[in-house]
Protein backbone atom coordinates (compact mmCIF):
# COMPACT_ATOMS: atom_id res chain seq x y z
CA MET A 1 -2.36 8.73 0.63
CA ARG A 2 -3.01 12.12 -0.86
CA GLU A 3 -3.32 15.49 0.84
CA GLU A 4 -1.64 18.86 0.42
CA ALA A 5 0.74 20.17 3.08
CA GLU A 6 3.59 22.63 2.91
CA GLY A 7 7.03 22.64 4.50
CA ALA A 8 8.65 25.76 5.88
CA GLY A 9 10.33 27.80 3.16
CA ALA A 10 9.05 25.65 0.32
CA GLU A 11 7.07 26.88 -2.62
CA PRO A 12 3.44 25.72 -2.68
CA GLY A 13 3.32 22.11 -3.80
CA ASP A 14 7.09 21.57 -3.49
CA PHE A 15 7.07 19.83 -0.12
CA VAL A 16 4.51 17.54 1.53
CA GLN A 17 5.04 15.54 4.70
CA LEU A 18 1.95 14.14 6.42
CA LYS A 19 2.18 13.04 10.04
CA VAL A 20 0.78 9.57 9.51
CA PRO A 21 1.03 7.46 12.68
CA ILE A 22 3.38 4.52 12.40
CA VAL A 23 2.05 1.02 13.02
CA GLN A 24 4.53 -1.83 12.96
CA GLN A 25 3.60 -5.12 11.36
CA LEU A 26 3.48 -8.12 13.70
CA TYR A 27 4.23 -10.89 11.20
CA HIS A 28 5.92 -11.30 7.83
CA TRP A 29 2.55 -11.33 6.03
CA ASP A 30 0.57 -8.43 7.57
CA CYS A 31 2.39 -5.36 6.22
CA GLY A 32 -0.69 -4.39 4.19
CA LEU A 33 -2.91 -4.56 7.24
CA ALA A 34 -0.45 -2.46 9.25
CA CYS A 35 -0.46 0.14 6.45
CA SER A 36 -4.27 0.16 6.52
CA ARG A 37 -4.24 0.83 10.25
CA MET A 38 -1.88 3.77 9.72
CA VAL A 39 -4.13 5.34 7.10
CA LEU A 40 -7.37 4.76 9.01
CA ARG A 41 -5.88 6.21 12.20
CA TYR A 42 -4.64 9.25 10.31
CA LEU A 43 -8.12 9.79 8.88
CA LYS A 44 -9.61 9.24 12.36
CA LEU A 45 -11.78 6.43 11.02
CA LEU A 46 -10.39 3.79 13.36
CA GLU A 47 -10.96 4.27 17.08
CA ASP A 48 -9.88 0.89 18.39
CA ASP A 49 -8.28 -2.35 17.27
CA ALA A 50 -11.46 -4.32 18.01
CA ALA A 51 -13.25 -2.58 15.14
CA PHE A 52 -10.36 -3.42 12.82
CA GLU A 53 -10.34 -7.07 13.86
CA GLN A 54 -14.10 -7.23 13.35
CA ALA A 55 -13.66 -5.82 9.83
CA LEU A 56 -11.07 -8.49 9.03
CA GLN A 57 -13.53 -11.17 10.09
CA GLU A 58 -16.39 -9.68 8.09
CA LEU A 59 -14.23 -9.38 4.96
CA GLN A 60 -12.76 -12.85 5.60
CA LEU A 61 -9.19 -11.60 5.34
CA THR A 62 -6.52 -14.11 6.25
CA ARG A 63 -2.74 -14.32 5.78
CA SER A 64 -2.87 -13.77 2.04
CA ILE A 65 -3.50 -10.04 1.53
CA TRP A 66 -3.81 -8.47 -1.92
CA THR A 67 -4.22 -4.79 -2.71
CA ILE A 68 -7.87 -5.39 -3.65
CA ASP A 69 -8.40 -6.61 -0.07
CA LEU A 70 -7.11 -3.30 1.23
CA ALA A 71 -9.43 -1.42 -1.11
CA TYR A 72 -12.39 -3.31 0.35
CA LEU A 73 -11.07 -2.49 3.82
CA MET A 74 -10.99 1.23 2.99
CA ARG A 75 -14.56 0.99 1.69
CA HIS A 76 -15.64 -0.82 4.86
CA PHE A 77 -14.48 2.11 6.99
CA GLY A 78 -15.86 4.75 4.62
CA ALA A 79 -12.51 6.07 3.37
CA ARG A 80 -12.59 7.74 -0.05
CA HIS A 81 -10.27 5.73 -2.23
CA ARG A 82 -9.21 4.80 -5.75
CA PHE A 83 -7.33 1.63 -6.55
CA CYS A 84 -5.21 1.83 -9.71
CA THR A 85 -3.75 -1.36 -11.13
CA ARG A 86 -2.37 -2.71 -14.38
CA THR A 87 -4.27 -6.00 -14.03
CA LEU A 88 -7.97 -6.36 -13.20
CA GLY A 89 -7.71 -9.72 -11.47
CA VAL A 90 -4.93 -12.21 -10.99
CA ASP A 91 -2.04 -12.32 -13.45
CA LYS A 92 -1.68 -16.02 -14.27
CA GLY A 93 1.99 -15.40 -14.94
CA TYR A 94 2.55 -15.14 -11.19
CA ARG A 95 1.75 -18.83 -10.67
CA ASN A 96 5.43 -19.77 -10.86
CA GLN A 97 6.72 -16.82 -8.83
CA SER A 98 8.00 -18.06 -5.47
CA PHE A 99 6.22 -15.24 -3.61
CA TYR A 100 2.81 -16.27 -4.99
CA ARG A 101 3.26 -20.00 -5.60
CA ARG A 102 2.14 -21.31 -2.20
CA HIS A 103 -1.30 -19.68 -2.20
CA PHE A 104 -1.87 -19.01 -5.89
CA ASP A 105 -4.38 -21.75 -6.69
CA ALA A 106 -6.44 -21.10 -3.56
CA GLU A 107 -6.40 -17.34 -4.00
CA GLU A 108 -6.95 -16.95 -7.74
CA SER A 109 -10.72 -17.46 -7.66
CA ARG A 110 -11.22 -15.39 -4.48
CA VAL A 111 -9.28 -12.40 -5.76
CA ASN A 112 -10.90 -12.48 -9.20
CA GLN A 113 -14.32 -12.49 -7.55
CA LEU A 114 -13.38 -9.42 -5.51
CA PHE A 115 -12.51 -7.58 -8.72
CA GLU A 116 -15.75 -8.70 -10.35
CA ARG A 117 -17.86 -7.51 -7.41
CA ALA A 118 -15.95 -4.29 -6.81
CA SER A 119 -18.33 -1.94 -8.62
CA ALA A 120 -21.42 -3.38 -6.92
CA CYS A 121 -19.66 -3.06 -3.55
CA LYS A 122 -18.68 0.56 -4.29
CA VAL A 123 -14.99 -0.28 -4.32
CA LEU A 124 -13.38 2.00 -6.91
CA VAL A 125 -10.95 0.08 -9.12
CA GLU A 126 -9.38 1.39 -12.33
CA LYS A 127 -7.09 -0.28 -14.83
CA CYS A 128 -4.26 2.16 -15.39
CA PRO A 129 -0.54 1.76 -15.79
CA VAL A 130 0.56 3.67 -13.04
CA LYS A 131 11.78 -7.07 -6.26
CA TYR A 132 12.72 -7.48 -3.13
CA CYS A 133 12.90 -4.04 -1.61
CA CYS A 134 14.45 -3.21 1.74
CA PHE A 135 13.33 0.33 2.63
CA LEU A 136 15.86 2.13 4.81
CA PRO A 137 16.32 5.77 5.92
CA MET A 138 17.88 8.29 3.55
CA GLY A 139 21.64 7.97 3.48
CA GLN A 140 21.61 4.19 3.40
CA LYS A 141 21.08 1.93 0.43
CA CYS A 142 17.34 2.03 -0.07
CA PHE A 143 16.80 -1.11 -2.11
CA CYS A 144 18.36 -4.52 -1.72
CA ARG A 145 18.07 -6.48 -4.90
CA GLY A 146 17.23 -10.14 -4.64
CA PRO A 147 16.76 -12.72 -7.37
CA GLU A 148 12.96 -12.81 -7.12
CA TYR A 149 10.07 -10.54 -6.21
CA GLN A 150 9.12 -10.25 -2.54
CA GLY A 151 5.91 -8.32 -1.84
CA HIS A 152 5.68 -5.44 0.62
CA PHE A 153 3.27 -2.57 1.33
CA ILE A 154 4.22 0.94 2.45
CA VAL A 155 2.31 4.17 3.10
CA LEU A 156 3.46 7.02 0.86
CA CYS A 157 2.97 10.18 2.91
CA GLY A 158 4.95 13.00 1.30
CA TYR A 159 7.57 14.25 -1.11
CA ASN A 160 10.33 16.82 -1.53
CA ARG A 161 10.38 18.12 -5.07
CA ALA A 162 13.80 19.80 -4.66
CA SER A 163 15.56 16.57 -3.68
CA GLU A 164 13.33 14.39 -5.88
CA SER A 165 12.55 12.14 -2.95
CA ILE A 166 9.46 10.67 -1.33
CA PHE A 167 8.58 10.09 2.33
CA TYR A 168 6.89 6.91 3.47
CA ASN A 169 6.08 4.80 6.49
CA ASN A 170 7.43 1.28 6.35
CA PRO A 171 5.52 -1.11 8.65
CA ALA A 172 8.74 -3.05 9.19
CA TYR A 173 9.87 -0.20 11.48
CA ALA A 174 8.15 1.34 14.50
CA ASP A 175 10.34 4.41 15.03
CA ARG A 176 10.92 6.33 11.79
CA MET A 177 9.57 7.94 8.68
CA CYS A 178 11.66 6.76 5.75
CA SER A 179 12.78 8.41 2.53
CA THR A 180 14.06 7.30 -0.84
CA SER A 181 14.52 8.75 -4.30
CA VAL A 182 11.62 8.89 -6.73
CA SER A 183 13.66 6.77 -9.17
CA ASN A 184 14.17 4.02 -6.58
CA PHE A 185 10.50 4.13 -5.67
CA GLU A 186 9.44 3.85 -9.31
CA GLU A 187 11.82 0.96 -9.92
CA ALA A 188 10.26 -0.99 -7.07
CA ARG A 189 6.67 0.03 -7.85
CA THR A 190 6.84 -1.05 -11.48
CA SER A 191 8.79 -4.28 -11.04
CA TYR A 192 7.18 -7.53 -12.16
CA GLY A 193 4.92 -8.90 -9.45
CA THR A 194 3.47 -5.60 -8.25
CA ASP A 195 0.83 -5.05 -10.98
CA GLU A 196 1.94 -1.44 -10.42
CA ASP A 197 -0.76 -1.24 -7.75
CA ILE A 198 -1.43 2.06 -6.01
CA LEU A 199 -4.27 2.55 -3.56
CA PHE A 200 -5.04 6.27 -3.27
CA VAL A 201 -6.82 7.34 -0.10
CA TYR A 202 -8.25 10.85 0.17
CA THR A 203 -9.08 13.16 3.03
CA ASP A 204 -12.32 15.15 3.01
CA SER A 205 -10.50 18.51 2.73
C-alpha cells in the first residue's frame, strides 16, 4: 500500500508508518484474503465481513488464492490499484514446485483467464520486474530458509530510510506490526515462486 506519512523528527519522505488495522488469517491458505481485509478496512471500503464474504462468492474465490485474485478483489471494492508482476499468467515451471503442485492443473486455466480478462474488467496489471519466509519482529531472525518455496502475503505499510528497514503487517500475527531489512524483504520478494508480484493500492489523497 502506498501513501505518504511522516515520523517525528524525520526528514520528509524518510519515514512512513501507516496505521493499517491488523487482521489475522484463520487458516494456512487465507493470508492473502486477510491482507485484503486489512487494506480495505484502512481505506474504509469494507464496512462488514458480510460484504467481503459476498465478494468472495461473486468472484468465486476458494482456497487457492493468487495475486491476480486479490487485484480483482480490490477492483470489486473500488480501490485504486496496480498489479506488477514478472509473469502475465501462470509460470509452467511451477508445476513441479511442492507449493503449487496440488492445485496447479486445476488452477492454470482459471488464472490465465483472469489475466486475459483483466483489461476488460478494469483490473490494472503490468508486466514489470519489480522461499519460505517467517516474518518476525525486528531483533529476531526475520527469514527462515527452507528447501522449497512456501507462499505468503503481507501488507507493506511503511519504511525507515535511516535504518533501511520496512514495516509490514503479517496476517500470521494479530498483535504486532513487524519490521525487517530492505535486503531481507527483497530476497524474499524476488525468490523463485513469487513472480515478484506486488499489488499497489492507493489512497485518494
